[in-house]
Amino acid sequence: MTVFGTTLDPAQITGLVGLLATLALWLVILGRQRGYARWFKQWEADRKARLDAERGVAQPEPTRKKTGPWG
């Protein structure tokens, strides 16, 4: 097999396949970790809202006027 004008032997091809498999595995794990973090933050916010509703705590009003293009 030739890549960028260099002939690769079976050991080098195996190494490249291993590196690509490691990269793919790392990307899958990263995606799952980000999904779990997103789920946990949402779960925590829902739990806090549910506890506040049970205790009868009102949501605080923002004290500062929103300004600028992002509110």
PDB file of N, CA and C in Angstrom:
ATOM      1  N   MET A   1       0.856  -1.171   0.000  1.00  0.00           N
ATOM      2  CA  MET A   1       0.000   0.000   0.000  1.00  0.00           C
ATOM      3  C   MET A   1       0.905   1.238   0.000  1.00  0.00           C
ATOM      4  N   THR A   2       0.533   2.235  -0.779  1.00  0.00           N
ATOM      5  CA  THR A   2       1.311   3.462  -0.877  1.00  0.00           C
ATOM      6  C   THR A   2       0.479   4.640  -0.380  1.00  0.00           C
ATOM      7  N   VAL A   3       1.044   5.396   0.553  1.00  0.00           N
ATOM      8  CA  VAL A   3       0.390   6.585   1.097  1.00  0.00           C
ATOM      9  C   VAL A   3       1.382   7.728   0.996  1.00  0.00           C
ATOM     10  N   PHE A   4       1.002   8.807   0.314  1.00  0.00           N
ATOM     11  CA  PHE A   4       1.851   9.983   0.114  1.00  0.00           C
ATOM     12  C   PHE A   4       3.204   9.600  -0.469  1.00  0.00           C
ATOM     13  N   GLY A   5       3.216   8.629  -1.365  1.00  0.00           N
ATOM     14  CA  GLY A   5       4.438   8.229  -2.027  1.00  0.00           C
ATOM     15  C   GLY A   5       5.332   7.312  -1.226  1.00  0.00           C
ATOM     16  N   THR A   6       4.874   6.863  -0.050  1.00  0.00           N
ATOM     17  CA  THR A   6       5.659   5.971   0.792  1.00  0.00           C
ATOM     18  C   THR A   6       4.969   4.616   0.849  1.00  0.00           C
ATOM     19  N   THR A   7       5.729   3.574   0.631  1.00  0.00           N
ATOM     20  CA  THR A   7       5.175   2.229   0.700  1.00  0.00           C
ATOM     21  C   THR A   7       5.126   1.781   2.156  1.00  0.00           C
ATOM     22  N   LEU A   8       3.965   1.293   2.569  1.00  0.00           N
ATOM     23  CA  LEU A   8       3.779   0.861   3.952  1.00  0.00           C
ATOM     24  C   LEU A   8       3.784  -0.662   4.011  1.00  0.00           C
ATOM     25  N   ASP A   9       4.497  -1.204   4.996  1.00  0.00           N
ATOM     26  CA  ASP A   9       4.489  -2.652   5.179  1.00  0.00           C
ATOM     27  C   ASP A   9       3.326  -3.028   6.107  1.00  0.00           C
ATOM     28  N   PRO A  10       3.028  -4.320   6.257  1.00  0.00           N
ATOM     29  CA  PRO A  10       1.874  -4.736   7.078  1.00  0.00           C
ATOM     30  C   PRO A  10       1.930  -4.231   8.524  1.00  0.00           C
ATOM     31  N   ALA A  11       3.101  -4.126   9.114  1.00  0.00           N
ATOM     32  CA  ALA A  11       3.192  -3.638  10.495  1.00  0.00           C
ATOM     33  C   ALA A  11       2.773  -2.166  10.579  1.00  0.00           C
ATOM     34  N   GLN A  12       3.156  -1.365   9.617  1.00  0.00           N
ATOM     35  CA  GLN A  12       2.782   0.048   9.615  1.00  0.00           C
ATOM     36  C   GLN A  12       1.284   0.213   9.356  1.00  0.00           C
ATOM     37  N   ILE A  13       0.741  -0.612   8.483  1.00  0.00           N
ATOM     38  CA  ILE A  13      -0.705  -0.564   8.213  1.00  0.00           C
ATOM     39  C   ILE A  13      -1.474  -0.936   9.476  1.00  0.00           C
ATOM     40  N   THR A  14      -0.992  -1.968  10.174  1.00  0.00           N
ATOM     41  CA  THR A  14      -1.635  -2.369  11.425  1.00  0.00           C
ATOM     42  C   THR A  14      -1.561  -1.237  12.446  1.00  0.00           C
ATOM     43  N   GLY A  15      -0.454  -0.554  12.513  1.00  0.00           N
ATOM     44  CA  GLY A  15      -0.313   0.579  13.416  1.00  0.00           C
ATOM     45  C   GLY A  15      -1.279   1.705  13.081  1.00  0.00           C
ATOM     46  N   LEU A  16      -1.418   2.001  11.793  1.00  0.00           N
ATOM     47  CA  LEU A  16      -2.374   3.050  11.375  1.00  0.00           C
ATOM     48  C   LEU A  16      -3.808   2.659  11.705  1.00  0.00           C
ATOM     49  N   VAL A  17      -4.147   1.405  11.460  1.00  0.00           N
ATOM     50  CA  VAL A  17      -5.502   0.940  11.777  1.00  0.00           C
ATOM     51  C   VAL A  17      -5.734   1.036  13.289  1.00  0.00           C
ATOM     52  N   GLY A  18      -4.735   0.670  14.071  1.00  0.00           N
ATOM     53  CA  GLY A  18      -4.857   0.775  15.529  1.00  0.00           C
ATOM     54  C   GLY A  18      -5.036   2.206  15.989  1.00  0.00           C
ATOM     55  N   LEU A  19      -4.288   3.115  15.408  1.00  0.00           N
ATOM     56  CA  LEU A  19      -4.430   4.532  15.768  1.00  0.00           C
ATOM     57  C   LEU A  19      -5.808   5.074  15.388  1.00  0.00           C
ATOM     58  N   LEU A  20      -6.290   4.694  14.216  1.00  0.00           N
ATOM     59  CA  LEU A  20      -7.619   5.150  13.801  1.00  0.00           C
ATOM     60  C   LEU A  20      -8.714   4.561  14.687  1.00  0.00           C
ATOM     61  N   ALA A  21      -8.565   3.294  15.079  1.00  0.00           N
ATOM     62  CA  ALA A  21      -9.540   2.676  15.976  1.00  0.00           C
ATOM     63  C   ALA A  21      -9.523   3.360  17.341  1.00  0.00           C
ATOM     64  N   THR A  22      -8.343   3.702  17.826  1.00  0.00           N
ATOM     65  CA  THR A  22      -8.228   4.411  19.102  1.00  0.00           C
ATOM     66  C   THR A  22      -8.883   5.785  19.017  1.00  0.00           C
ATOM     67  N   LEU A  23      -8.673   6.482  17.925  1.00  0.00           N
ATOM     68  CA  LEU A  23      -9.305   7.785  17.730  1.00  0.00           C
ATOM     69  C   LEU A  23     -10.827   7.660  17.705  1.00  0.00           C
ATOM     70  N   ALA A  24     -11.330   6.674  16.995  1.00  0.00           N
ATOM     71  CA  ALA A  24     -12.783   6.476  16.926  1.00  0.00           C
ATOM     72  C   ALA A  24     -13.346   6.150  18.302  1.00  0.00           C
ATOM     73  N   LEU A  25     -12.668   5.287  19.045  1.00  0.00           N
ATOM     74  CA  LEU A  25     -13.119   4.948  20.395  1.00  0.00           C
ATOM     75  C   LEU A  25     -13.112   6.174  21.293  1.00  0.00           C
ATOM     76  N   TRP A  26     -12.064   6.986  21.208  1.00  0.00           N
ATOM     77  CA  TRP A  26     -11.968   8.193  22.016  1.00  0.00           C
ATOM     78  C   TRP A  26     -13.116   9.159  21.692  1.00  0.00           C
ATOM     79  N   LEU A  27     -13.448   9.300  20.414  1.00  0.00           N
ATOM     80  CA  LEU A  27     -14.540  10.207  20.032  1.00  0.00           C
ATOM     81  C   LEU A  27     -15.884   9.704  20.544  1.00  0.00           C
ATOM     82  N   VAL A  28     -16.108   8.399  20.512  1.00  0.00           N
ATOM     83  CA  VAL A  28     -17.350   7.833  21.038  1.00  0.00           C
ATOM     84  C   VAL A  28     -17.444   8.077  22.534  1.00  0.00           C
ATOM     85  N   ILE A  29     -16.366   7.842  23.254  1.00  0.00           N
ATOM     86  CA  ILE A  29     -16.357   8.054  24.700  1.00  0.00           C
ATOM     87  C   ILE A  29     -16.568   9.529  25.028  1.00  0.00           C
ATOM     88  N   LEU A  30     -15.942  10.422  24.279  1.00  0.00           N
ATOM     89  CA  LEU A  30     -16.128  11.859  24.496  1.00  0.00           C
ATOM     90  C   LEU A  30     -17.581  12.262  24.286  1.00  0.00           C
ATOM     91  N   GLY A  31     -18.202  11.749  23.234  1.00  0.00           N
ATOM     92  CA  GLY A  31     -19.607  12.069  22.976  1.00  0.00           C
ATOM     93  C   GLY A  31     -20.521  11.585  24.083  1.00  0.00           C
ATOM     94  N   ARG A  32     -20.270  10.376  24.574  1.00  0.00           N
ATOM     95  CA  ARG A  32     -21.097   9.854  25.666  1.00  0.00           C
ATOM     96  C   ARG A  32     -20.891  10.655  26.939  1.00  0.00           C
ATOM     97  N   GLN A  33     -19.674  11.063  27.211  1.00  0.00           N
ATOM     98  CA  GLN A  33     -19.384  11.856  28.408  1.00  0.00           C
ATOM     99  C   GLN A  33     -20.102  13.208  28.347  1.00  0.00           C
ATOM    100  N   ARG A  34     -20.062  13.843  27.194  1.00  0.00           N
ATOM    101  CA  ARG A  34     -20.751  15.131  27.043  1.00  0.00           C
ATOM    102  C   ARG A  34     -22.258  14.954  27.190  1.00  0.00           C
ATOM    103  N   GLY A  35     -22.792  13.860  26.640  1.00  0.00           N
ATOM    104  CA  GLY A  35     -24.220  13.596  26.785  1.00  0.00           C
ATOM    105  C   GLY A  35     -24.605  13.359  28.232  1.00  0.00           C
ATOM    106  N   TYR A  36     -23.769  12.622  28.969  1.00  0.00           N
ATOM    107  CA  TYR A  36     -24.042  12.370  30.378  1.00  0.00           C
ATOM    108  C   TYR A  36     -23.991  13.668  31.181  1.00  0.00           C
ATOM    109  N   ALA A  37     -23.007  14.509  30.911  1.00  0.00           N
ATOM    110  CA  ALA A  37     -22.900  15.780  31.633  1.00  0.00           C
ATOM    111  C   ALA A  37     -24.130  16.654  31.358  1.00  0.00           C
ATOM    112  N   ARG A  38     -24.571  16.685  30.110  1.00  0.00           N
ATOM    113  CA  ARG A  38     -25.759  17.469  29.749  1.00  0.00           C
ATOM    114  C   ARG A  38     -26.996  16.917  30.459  1.00  0.00           C
ATOM    115  N   TRP A  39     -27.136  15.572  30.470  1.00  0.00           N
ATOM    116  CA  TRP A  39     -28.277  14.950  31.139  1.00  0.00           C
ATOM    117  C   TRP A  39     -28.252  15.247  32.638  1.00  0.00           C
ATOM    118  N   PHE A  40     -27.075  15.145  33.256  1.00  0.00           N
ATOM    119  CA  PHE A  40     -26.976  15.359  34.697  1.00  0.00           C
ATOM    120  C   PHE A  40     -27.320  16.789  35.067  1.00  0.00           C
ATOM    121  N   LYS A  41     -26.865  17.765  34.300  1.00  0.00           N
ATOM    122  CA  LYS A  41     -27.201  19.158  34.590  1.00  0.00           C
ATOM    123  C   LYS A  41     -28.709  19.388  34.500  1.00  0.00           C
ATOM    124  N   GLN A  42     -29.352  18.798  33.498  1.00  0.00           N
ATOM    125  CA  GLN A  42     -30.798  18.937  33.350  1.00  0.00           C
ATOM    126  C   GLN A  42     -31.522  18.249  34.505  1.00  0.00           C
ATOM    127  N   TRP A  43     -31.057  17.065  34.876  1.00  0.00           N
ATOM    128  CA  TRP A  43     -31.666  16.329  35.986  1.00  0.00           C
ATOM    129  C   TRP A  43     -31.551  17.120  37.282  1.00  0.00           C
ATOM    130  N   GLU A  44     -30.378  17.702  37.518  1.00  0.00           N
ATOM    131  CA  GLU A  44     -30.160  18.490  38.730  1.00  0.00           C
ATOM    132  C   GLU A  44     -31.068  19.726  38.744  1.00  0.00           C
ATOM    133  N   ALA A  45     -31.225  20.397  37.620  1.00  0.00           N
ATOM    134  CA  ALA A  45     -32.105  21.570  37.547  1.00  0.00           C
ATOM    135  C   ALA A  45     -33.559  21.166  37.782  1.00  0.00           C
ATOM    136  N   ASP A  46     -33.978  20.054  37.208  1.00  0.00           N
ATOM    137  CA  ASP A  46     -35.351  19.573  37.420  1.00  0.00           C
ATOM    138  C   ASP A  46     -35.587  19.217  38.886  1.00  0.00           C
ATOM    139  N   ARG A  47     -34.606  18.567  39.501  1.00  0.00           N
ATOM    140  CA  ARG A  47     -34.725  18.181  40.907  1.00  0.00           C
ATOM    141  C   ARG A  47     -34.826  19.407  41.795  1.00  0.00           C
ATOM    142  N   LYS A  48     -33.994  20.423  41.512  1.00  0.00           N
ATOM    143  CA  LYS A  48     -34.044  21.655  42.308  1.00  0.00           C
ATOM    144  C   LYS A  48     -35.384  22.358  42.129  1.00  0.00           C
ATOM    145  N   ALA A  49     -35.881  22.415  40.901  1.00  0.00           N
ATOM    146  CA  ALA A  49     -37.175  23.056  40.656  1.00  0.00           C
ATOM    147  C   ALA A  49     -38.293  22.303  41.368  1.00  0.00           C
ATOM    148  N   ARG A  50     -38.225  20.973  41.361  1.00  0.00           N
ATOM    149  CA  ARG A  50     -39.243  20.166  42.027  1.00  0.00           C
ATOM    150  C   ARG A  50     -39.194  20.387  43.545  1.00  0.00           C
ATOM    151  N   LEU A  51     -38.000  20.434  44.117  1.00  0.00           N
ATOM    152  CA  LEU A  51     -37.877  20.676  45.565  1.00  0.00           C
ATOM    153  C   LEU A  51     -38.344  22.074  45.933  1.00  0.00           C
ATOM    154  N   ASP A  52     -38.005  23.069  45.120  1.00  0.00           N
ATOM    155  CA  ASP A  52     -38.456  24.437  45.383  1.00  0.00           C
ATOM    156  C   ASP A  52     -39.973  24.532  45.304  1.00  0.00           C
ATOM    157  N   ALA A  53     -40.577  23.822  44.361  1.00  0.00           N
ATOM    158  CA  ALA A  53     -42.032  23.850  44.235  1.00  0.00           C
ATOM    159  C   ALA A  53     -42.687  23.187  45.443  1.00  0.00           C
ATOM    160  N   GLU A  54     -42.085  22.113  45.935  1.00  0.00           N
ATOM    161  CA  GLU A  54     -42.640  21.448  47.113  1.00  0.00           C
ATOM    162  C   GLU A  54     -42.526  22.316  48.353  1.00  0.00           C
ATOM    163  N   ARG A  55     -41.460  23.074  48.466  1.00  0.00           N
ATOM    164  CA  ARG A  55     -41.253  23.940  49.629  1.00  0.00           C
ATOM    165  C   ARG A  55     -41.987  25.270  49.496  1.00  0.00           C
ATOM    166  N   GLY A  56     -42.464  25.602  48.315  1.00  0.00           N
ATOM    167  CA  GLY A  56     -43.173  26.844  48.095  1.00  0.00           C
ATOM    168  C   GLY A  56     -42.250  28.032  47.915  1.00  0.00           C
ATOM    169  N   VAL A  57     -41.044  27.794  47.455  1.00  0.00           N
ATOM    170  CA  VAL A  57     -40.076  28.867  47.251  1.00  0.00           C
ATOM    171  C   VAL A  57     -40.326  29.492  45.886  1.00  0.00           C
ATOM    172  N   ALA A  58     -40.480  30.808  45.864  1.00  0.00           N
ATOM    173  CA  ALA A  58     -40.706  31.514  44.596  1.00  0.00           C
ATOM    174  C   ALA A  58     -39.380  31.721  43.876  1.00  0.00           C
ATOM    175  N   GLN A  59     -39.447  31.759  42.574  1.00  0.00           N
ATOM    176  CA  GLN A  59     -38.255  32.032  41.771  1.00  0.00           C
ATOM    177  C   GLN A  59     -37.855  33.490  41.961  1.00  0.00           C
ATOM    178  N   PRO A  60     -36.572  33.777  42.204  1.00  0.00           N
ATOM    179  CA  PRO A  60     -36.155  35.177  42.385  1.00  0.00           C
ATOM    180  C   PRO A  60     -36.236  35.948  41.070  1.00  0.00           C
ATOM    181  N   GLU A  61     -36.644  37.201  41.191  1.00  0.00           N
ATOM    182  CA  GLU A  61     -36.706  38.075  40.025  1.00  0.00           C
ATOM    183  C   GLU A  61     -35.309  38.612  39.739  1.00  0.00           C
ATOM    184  N   PRO A  62     -34.970  38.781  38.462  1.00  0.00           N
ATOM    185  CA  PRO A  62     -33.655  39.364  38.157  1.00  0.00           C
ATOM    186  C   PRO A  62     -33.587  40.797  38.688  1.00  0.00           C
ATOM    187  N   THR A  63     -32.484  41.134  39.337  1.00  0.00           N
ATOM    188  CA  THR A  63     -32.358  42.455  39.963  1.00  0.00           C
ATOM    189  C   THR A  63     -31.796  43.493  39.014  1.00  0.00           C
ATOM    190  N   ARG A  64     -31.147  43.058  37.966  1.00  0.00           N
ATOM    191  CA  ARG A  64     -30.514  44.014  37.070  1.00  0.00           C
ATOM    192  C   ARG A  64     -31.250  44.024  35.732  1.00  0.00           C
ATOM    193  N   LYS A  65     -31.334  45.211  35.155  1.00  0.00           N
ATOM    194  CA  LYS A  65     -32.002  45.353  33.864  1.00  0.00           C
ATOM    195  C   LYS A  65     -31.140  44.725  32.775  1.00  0.00           C
ATOM    196  N   LYS A  66     -31.779  43.984  31.887  1.00  0.00           N
ATOM    197  CA  LYS A  66     -31.059  43.338  30.793  1.00  0.00           C
ATOM    198  C   LYS A  66     -30.697  44.362  29.733  1.00  0.00           C
ATOM    199  N   THR A  67     -29.430  44.389  29.381  1.00  0.00           N
ATOM    200  CA  THR A  67     -28.957  45.305  28.360  1.00  0.00           C
ATOM    201  C   THR A  67     -28.060  44.572  27.392  1.00  0.00           C
ATOM    202  N   GLY A  68     -27.810  45.151  26.276  1.00  0.00           N
ATOM    203  CA  GLY A  68     -26.886  44.568  25.310  1.00  0.00           C
ATOM    204  C   GLY A  68     -27.586  43.624  24.347  1.00  0.00           C
ATOM    205  N   PRO A  69     -26.877  43.145  23.365  1.00  0.00           N
ATOM    206  CA  PRO A  69     -27.489  42.309  22.339  1.00  0.00           C
ATOM    207  C   PRO A  69     -27.866  40.921  22.835  1.00  0.00           C
ATOM    208  N   TRP A  70     -27.301  40.450  23.954  1.00  0.00           N
ATOM    209  CA  TRP A  70     -27.610  39.107  24.442  1.00  0.00           C
ATOM    210  C   TRP A  70     -28.544  39.128  25.635  1.00  0.00           C
ATOM    211  N   GLY A  71     -29.065  40.272  25.973  1.00  0.00           N
ATOM    212  CA  GLY A  71     -30.021  40.358  27.066  1.00  0.00           C
ATOM    213  C   GLY A  71     -29.328  40.591  28.324  1.00  0.00           C
TER     214      GLY A  71
END
